[in-house]
C-alpha cells in the first residue's frame, strides 16, 4: 500500500488536527502536525513529506502564503482543507499552487480518496 508515506497536517484547530492525524495513521501513513503557518512551512520544506493538508486561516502565515512558499521549492501535493468555501477562495487556493481543495465539514473517506489519488499521481504509480 502506501507504507512509509508521510503526510503533514497544518491546522490550527487542535481537535481537527488530532482527529485527522489519528485517522490518517489508522490508514497506514506516517503523519505529523503543525499548528501554525510558520511551523508548517518549515516542516514542509525539511520533512520529506509525500503530501500536505493545509488550512487557510492559520496563525503567523496564511495557508495561501505557506502554499506559495512551498511551491518555490517543491512540487509536493498540497490539499487545502478549510472552512472557506467561497469560489474566490477555491480559485485562489488552486492558483497559489494547491492540487486540491476540500471544504469543512468533509467526508473523511472522500478526503482519504483524494489523498491517495494525489500521492499516486505525484509518485508516478
N, C-alpha and C. Protein backbone atom coordinates (compact mmCIF):
# COMPACT_ATOMS: atom_id res chain seq x y z
N UNK A 1 0.84 -1.20 0.00
CA UNK A 1 0.00 0.00 0.00
C UNK A 1 0.87 1.24 0.00
N UNK A 2 0.57 2.21 0.87
CA UNK A 2 1.34 3.45 0.92
C UNK A 2 2.20 3.49 2.17
N UNK A 3 2.80 2.35 2.49
CA UNK A 3 3.63 2.27 3.69
C UNK A 3 4.76 3.30 3.60
N UNK A 4 5.04 3.91 4.73
CA UNK A 4 6.11 4.89 4.86
C UNK A 4 5.87 6.18 4.09
N UNK A 5 4.66 6.41 3.59
CA UNK A 5 4.33 7.71 3.00
C UNK A 5 4.05 8.65 4.16
N UNK A 6 4.56 9.88 4.05
CA UNK A 6 4.44 10.85 5.13
C UNK A 6 3.53 11.99 4.74
N UNK A 7 2.60 12.30 5.64
CA UNK A 7 1.65 13.39 5.43
C UNK A 7 1.83 14.42 6.54
N UNK A 8 1.81 15.68 6.15
CA UNK A 8 1.86 16.78 7.12
C UNK A 8 0.49 17.45 7.16
N UNK A 9 -0.06 17.59 8.36
CA UNK A 9 -1.31 18.31 8.58
C UNK A 9 -0.95 19.67 9.20
N UNK A 10 -1.33 20.75 8.52
CA UNK A 10 -1.11 22.10 9.05
C UNK A 10 -2.49 22.67 9.35
N UNK A 11 -2.85 22.67 10.62
CA UNK A 11 -4.21 23.01 11.06
C UNK A 11 -4.12 23.60 12.46
N UNK A 12 -4.67 24.81 12.67
CA UNK A 12 -4.56 25.46 13.98
C UNK A 12 -5.60 24.99 14.98
N UNK A 13 -6.69 24.38 14.52
CA UNK A 13 -7.68 23.84 15.45
C UNK A 13 -7.21 22.46 15.90
N UNK A 14 -6.71 22.41 17.15
CA UNK A 14 -6.05 21.18 17.62
C UNK A 14 -6.93 19.94 17.53
N UNK A 15 -8.22 20.08 17.86
CA UNK A 15 -9.10 18.91 17.79
C UNK A 15 -9.18 18.35 16.38
N UNK A 16 -9.34 19.23 15.40
CA UNK A 16 -9.41 18.78 14.00
C UNK A 16 -8.08 18.16 13.59
N UNK A 17 -6.98 18.81 13.95
CA UNK A 17 -5.66 18.31 13.58
C UNK A 17 -5.41 16.92 14.16
N UNK A 18 -5.77 16.74 15.43
CA UNK A 18 -5.52 15.45 16.08
C UNK A 18 -6.41 14.34 15.52
N UNK A 19 -7.66 14.66 15.23
CA UNK A 19 -8.56 13.66 14.63
C UNK A 19 -8.06 13.28 13.23
N UNK A 20 -7.66 14.27 12.46
CA UNK A 20 -7.11 13.98 11.13
C UNK A 20 -5.87 13.09 11.24
N UNK A 21 -4.93 13.48 12.11
CA UNK A 21 -3.69 12.71 12.26
C UNK A 21 -3.99 11.28 12.72
N UNK A 22 -4.88 11.12 13.67
CA UNK A 22 -5.23 9.80 14.17
C UNK A 22 -5.78 8.92 13.04
N UNK A 23 -6.72 9.47 12.28
CA UNK A 23 -7.34 8.69 11.21
C UNK A 23 -6.38 8.42 10.05
N UNK A 24 -5.51 9.38 9.75
CA UNK A 24 -4.51 9.17 8.70
C UNK A 24 -3.56 8.05 9.10
N UNK A 25 -3.15 8.05 10.36
CA UNK A 25 -2.27 6.97 10.86
C UNK A 25 -2.98 5.62 10.81
N UNK A 26 -4.28 5.62 11.13
CA UNK A 26 -5.05 4.37 11.03
C UNK A 26 -5.07 3.82 9.61
N UNK A 27 -4.94 4.71 8.62
CA UNK A 27 -4.91 4.30 7.20
C UNK A 27 -3.53 3.83 6.77
N UNK A 28 -2.55 3.87 7.69
CA UNK A 28 -1.23 3.33 7.39
C UNK A 28 -0.16 4.34 6.99
N UNK A 29 -0.44 5.61 7.14
CA UNK A 29 0.52 6.65 6.79
C UNK A 29 1.23 7.15 8.05
N UNK A 30 2.43 7.69 7.88
CA UNK A 30 3.06 8.46 8.93
C UNK A 30 2.45 9.86 8.85
N UNK A 31 2.27 10.51 9.99
CA UNK A 31 1.62 11.82 9.98
C UNK A 31 2.19 12.72 11.06
N UNK A 32 2.52 13.94 10.68
CA UNK A 32 2.96 14.97 11.61
C UNK A 32 1.97 16.12 11.56
N UNK A 33 1.97 16.94 12.62
CA UNK A 33 1.04 18.06 12.71
C UNK A 33 1.79 19.34 13.04
N UNK A 34 1.40 20.42 12.39
CA UNK A 34 1.87 21.77 12.74
C UNK A 34 0.62 22.61 13.00
N UNK A 35 0.70 23.50 13.99
CA UNK A 35 -0.47 24.28 14.40
C UNK A 35 -0.43 25.74 13.94
N UNK A 36 0.61 26.14 13.19
CA UNK A 36 0.64 27.49 12.63
C UNK A 36 1.38 27.45 11.30
N UNK A 37 1.18 28.49 10.50
CA UNK A 37 1.74 28.51 9.16
C UNK A 37 3.26 28.49 9.11
N UNK A 38 3.89 29.23 10.01
CA UNK A 38 5.36 29.31 10.02
C UNK A 38 5.98 27.94 10.30
N UNK A 39 5.49 27.27 11.34
CA UNK A 39 5.99 25.94 11.68
C UNK A 39 5.68 24.96 10.55
N UNK A 40 4.47 25.07 10.00
CA UNK A 40 4.08 24.19 8.90
C UNK A 40 5.00 24.35 7.70
N UNK A 41 5.33 25.59 7.36
CA UNK A 41 6.22 25.84 6.23
C UNK A 41 7.60 25.23 6.48
N UNK A 42 8.16 25.46 7.67
CA UNK A 42 9.48 24.90 7.99
C UNK A 42 9.46 23.38 7.92
N UNK A 43 8.42 22.76 8.48
CA UNK A 43 8.31 21.30 8.44
C UNK A 43 8.15 20.81 7.00
N UNK A 44 7.32 21.52 6.22
CA UNK A 44 7.07 21.12 4.83
C UNK A 44 8.35 21.12 4.00
N UNK A 45 9.21 22.09 4.25
CA UNK A 45 10.42 22.23 3.45
C UNK A 45 11.55 21.31 3.91
N UNK A 46 11.45 20.77 5.12
CA UNK A 46 12.55 19.94 5.63
C UNK A 46 12.15 18.50 5.94
N UNK A 47 10.85 18.19 5.92
CA UNK A 47 10.39 16.90 6.43
C UNK A 47 10.25 15.78 5.42
N UNK A 48 10.45 16.05 4.14
CA UNK A 48 10.33 14.99 3.15
C UNK A 48 8.94 14.39 3.05
N UNK A 49 7.92 15.23 3.05
CA UNK A 49 6.53 14.74 3.05
C UNK A 49 6.09 14.35 1.64
N UNK A 50 5.15 13.41 1.59
CA UNK A 50 4.57 12.96 0.33
C UNK A 50 3.30 13.74 -0.01
N UNK A 51 2.72 14.41 1.00
CA UNK A 51 1.52 15.21 0.80
C UNK A 51 1.32 16.12 1.99
N UNK A 52 0.72 17.30 1.74
CA UNK A 52 0.45 18.25 2.81
C UNK A 52 -1.03 18.62 2.79
N UNK A 53 -1.66 18.52 3.96
CA UNK A 53 -3.03 19.02 4.16
C UNK A 53 -2.89 20.36 4.84
N UNK A 54 -3.47 21.40 4.26
CA UNK A 54 -3.18 22.76 4.69
C UNK A 54 -4.47 23.55 4.88
N UNK A 55 -4.63 24.11 6.08
CA UNK A 55 -5.75 25.02 6.34
C UNK A 55 -5.37 26.39 5.79
N UNK A 56 -6.35 27.25 5.57
CA UNK A 56 -6.06 28.60 5.07
C UNK A 56 -5.87 29.58 6.22
N UNK A 57 -6.80 29.56 7.19
CA UNK A 57 -6.76 30.53 8.28
C UNK A 57 -5.87 29.99 9.39
N UNK A 58 -4.60 30.42 9.36
CA UNK A 58 -3.60 29.94 10.32
C UNK A 58 -2.92 31.12 10.99
N UNK A 59 -2.45 30.93 12.23
CA UNK A 59 -1.64 31.98 12.85
C UNK A 59 -0.27 32.09 12.16
N UNK A 60 0.33 33.24 12.24
CA UNK A 60 1.68 33.57 11.76
C UNK A 60 1.80 33.71 10.25
N UNK A 61 1.22 32.81 9.47
CA UNK A 61 1.20 32.91 8.00
C UNK A 61 -0.09 32.25 7.54
N UNK A 62 -0.71 32.79 6.49
CA UNK A 62 -1.91 32.13 5.97
C UNK A 62 -1.51 30.88 5.18
N UNK A 63 -2.47 30.00 4.98
CA UNK A 63 -2.23 28.82 4.16
C UNK A 63 -1.85 29.20 2.74
N UNK A 64 -2.42 30.30 2.22
CA UNK A 64 -2.07 30.75 0.88
C UNK A 64 -0.57 31.09 0.81
N UNK A 65 -0.08 31.81 1.84
CA UNK A 65 1.35 32.17 1.88
C UNK A 65 2.22 30.93 2.00
N UNK A 66 1.82 30.00 2.86
CA UNK A 66 2.58 28.76 3.04
C UNK A 66 2.65 28.01 1.71
N UNK A 67 1.53 27.89 1.03
CA UNK A 67 1.46 27.18 -0.24
C UNK A 67 2.39 27.81 -1.26
N UNK A 68 2.35 29.14 -1.38
CA UNK A 68 3.23 29.83 -2.34
C UNK A 68 4.70 29.57 -2.04
N UNK A 69 5.08 29.65 -0.76
CA UNK A 69 6.48 29.43 -0.38
C UNK A 69 6.91 27.98 -0.69
N UNK A 70 6.03 27.03 -0.40
CA UNK A 70 6.37 25.63 -0.69
C UNK A 70 6.59 25.46 -2.19
N UNK A 71 5.74 26.08 -2.99
CA UNK A 71 5.82 25.91 -4.45
C UNK A 71 7.13 26.44 -5.05
N UNK A 72 7.80 27.38 -4.36
CA UNK A 72 9.09 27.85 -4.85
C UNK A 72 10.13 26.74 -4.82
N UNK A 73 9.95 25.78 -3.90
CA UNK A 73 10.99 24.77 -3.69
C UNK A 73 10.54 23.33 -3.93
N UNK A 74 9.23 23.08 -4.03
CA UNK A 74 8.77 21.69 -4.04
C UNK A 74 7.49 21.54 -4.83
N UNK A 75 7.31 20.35 -5.40
CA UNK A 75 6.06 20.02 -6.09
C UNK A 75 5.24 19.01 -5.29
N UNK A 76 5.50 18.90 -3.99
CA UNK A 76 4.72 18.00 -3.13
C UNK A 76 3.23 18.32 -3.28
N UNK A 77 2.37 17.31 -3.35
CA UNK A 77 0.93 17.59 -3.44
C UNK A 77 0.44 18.32 -2.20
N UNK A 78 -0.39 19.34 -2.42
CA UNK A 78 -0.98 20.13 -1.34
C UNK A 78 -2.49 20.11 -1.52
N UNK A 79 -3.19 19.75 -0.44
CA UNK A 79 -4.65 19.81 -0.44
C UNK A 79 -5.07 20.80 0.64
N UNK A 80 -5.77 21.86 0.22
CA UNK A 80 -6.35 22.76 1.21
C UNK A 80 -7.54 22.07 1.85
N UNK A 81 -7.60 22.09 3.18
CA UNK A 81 -8.75 21.59 3.94
C UNK A 81 -9.18 22.76 4.81
N UNK A 82 -10.31 23.38 4.45
CA UNK A 82 -10.63 24.67 5.05
C UNK A 82 -12.13 24.90 5.13
N UNK A 83 -12.51 25.79 6.02
CA UNK A 83 -13.91 26.18 6.14
C UNK A 83 -14.28 27.22 5.09
N UNK A 84 -13.29 27.79 4.43
CA UNK A 84 -13.56 28.84 3.43
C UNK A 84 -14.02 28.19 2.14
N UNK A 85 -15.32 28.39 1.83
CA UNK A 85 -15.89 27.68 0.69
C UNK A 85 -16.30 28.58 -0.46
N UNK A 86 -16.00 29.88 -0.37
CA UNK A 86 -16.36 30.77 -1.47
C UNK A 86 -15.53 30.45 -2.71
N UNK A 87 -16.14 30.64 -3.87
CA UNK A 87 -15.46 30.35 -5.12
C UNK A 87 -14.12 31.08 -5.23
N UNK A 88 -14.07 32.36 -4.80
CA UNK A 88 -12.82 33.13 -4.92
C UNK A 88 -11.70 32.50 -4.09
N UNK A 89 -12.05 31.90 -2.93
CA UNK A 89 -11.04 31.24 -2.10
C UNK A 89 -10.56 29.95 -2.77
N UNK A 90 -11.48 29.18 -3.34
CA UNK A 90 -11.09 27.95 -4.05
C UNK A 90 -10.18 28.26 -5.22
N UNK A 91 -10.54 29.30 -5.97
CA UNK A 91 -9.72 29.71 -7.13
C UNK A 91 -8.34 30.16 -6.66
N UNK A 92 -8.30 31.01 -5.63
CA UNK A 92 -7.01 31.49 -5.12
C UNK A 92 -6.17 30.32 -4.61
N UNK A 93 -6.79 29.39 -3.91
CA UNK A 93 -6.06 28.22 -3.41
C UNK A 93 -5.42 27.43 -4.53
N UNK A 94 -6.17 27.18 -5.58
CA UNK A 94 -5.64 26.42 -6.71
C UNK A 94 -4.60 27.22 -7.47
N UNK A 95 -4.81 28.53 -7.58
CA UNK A 95 -3.85 29.36 -8.31
C UNK A 95 -2.56 29.60 -7.53
N UNK A 96 -2.58 29.47 -6.21
CA UNK A 96 -1.33 29.62 -5.44
C UNK A 96 -0.54 28.32 -5.44
N UNK A 97 -1.12 27.26 -6.02
CA UNK A 97 -0.33 26.04 -6.17
C UNK A 97 -0.92 24.78 -5.57
N UNK A 98 -2.09 24.87 -4.94
CA UNK A 98 -2.69 23.67 -4.36
C UNK A 98 -3.13 22.71 -5.47
N UNK A 99 -3.12 21.44 -5.15
CA UNK A 99 -3.55 20.40 -6.09
C UNK A 99 -5.03 20.06 -5.93
N UNK A 100 -5.58 20.37 -4.76
CA UNK A 100 -6.97 20.04 -4.48
C UNK A 100 -7.46 20.96 -3.38
N UNK A 101 -8.79 21.00 -3.19
CA UNK A 101 -9.40 21.93 -2.24
C UNK A 101 -10.63 21.24 -1.67
N UNK A 102 -10.64 21.02 -0.36
CA UNK A 102 -11.75 20.34 0.32
C UNK A 102 -12.29 21.28 1.38
N UNK A 103 -13.63 21.44 1.42
CA UNK A 103 -14.21 22.34 2.42
C UNK A 103 -14.75 21.54 3.61
N UNK A 104 -14.62 22.18 4.79
CA UNK A 104 -15.16 21.61 6.02
C UNK A 104 -16.63 21.97 6.11
N UNK A 105 -17.46 21.11 6.65
CA UNK A 105 -17.15 19.74 7.06
C UNK A 105 -16.99 18.86 5.83
N UNK A 106 -16.21 17.79 5.95
CA UNK A 106 -15.93 16.92 4.82
C UNK A 106 -16.07 15.46 5.25
N UNK A 107 -16.16 14.60 4.26
CA UNK A 107 -16.18 13.16 4.50
C UNK A 107 -14.74 12.69 4.58
N UNK A 108 -14.39 11.99 5.68
CA UNK A 108 -13.02 11.50 5.80
C UNK A 108 -12.70 10.49 4.70
N UNK A 109 -13.68 9.67 4.33
CA UNK A 109 -13.44 8.68 3.26
C UNK A 109 -13.10 9.39 1.95
N UNK A 110 -13.83 10.46 1.64
CA UNK A 110 -13.53 11.21 0.42
C UNK A 110 -12.16 11.86 0.51
N UNK A 111 -11.84 12.44 1.67
CA UNK A 111 -10.53 13.06 1.85
C UNK A 111 -9.42 12.02 1.63
N UNK A 112 -9.59 10.82 2.18
CA UNK A 112 -8.58 9.77 2.00
C UNK A 112 -8.45 9.38 0.53
N UNK A 113 -9.56 9.33 -0.19
CA UNK A 113 -9.50 9.02 -1.62
C UNK A 113 -8.71 10.10 -2.36
N UNK A 114 -8.92 11.35 -1.99
CA UNK A 114 -8.19 12.45 -2.62
C UNK A 114 -6.70 12.38 -2.26
N UNK A 115 -6.41 12.05 -1.00
CA UNK A 115 -5.01 11.89 -0.57
C UNK A 115 -4.34 10.79 -1.39
N UNK A 116 -4.98 9.63 -1.47
CA UNK A 116 -4.39 8.51 -2.23
C UNK A 116 -4.19 8.88 -3.70
N UNK A 117 -5.18 9.55 -4.30
CA UNK A 117 -5.08 9.93 -5.71
C UNK A 117 -3.92 10.90 -5.94
N UNK A 118 -3.77 11.88 -5.06
CA UNK A 118 -2.68 12.85 -5.22
C UNK A 118 -1.31 12.23 -5.00
N UNK A 119 -1.20 11.34 -4.02
CA UNK A 119 0.09 10.66 -3.79
C UNK A 119 0.41 9.75 -4.98
N UNK A 120 -0.59 9.04 -5.47
CA UNK A 120 -0.39 8.14 -6.62
C UNK A 120 0.08 8.95 -7.83
N UNK A 121 -0.58 10.06 -8.09
CA UNK A 121 -0.23 10.90 -9.24
C UNK A 121 1.20 11.46 -9.10
N UNK A 122 1.55 11.91 -7.90
CA UNK A 122 2.86 12.55 -7.73
C UNK A 122 4.00 11.54 -7.72
N UNK A 123 3.70 10.30 -7.34
CA UNK A 123 4.78 9.30 -7.29
C UNK A 123 4.84 8.49 -8.59
N UNK A 124 3.96 8.82 -9.53
CA UNK A 124 4.00 8.18 -10.84
C UNK A 124 3.56 6.74 -10.85
N UNK A 125 2.78 6.33 -9.85
CA UNK A 125 2.31 4.94 -9.78
C UNK A 125 1.22 4.68 -10.80
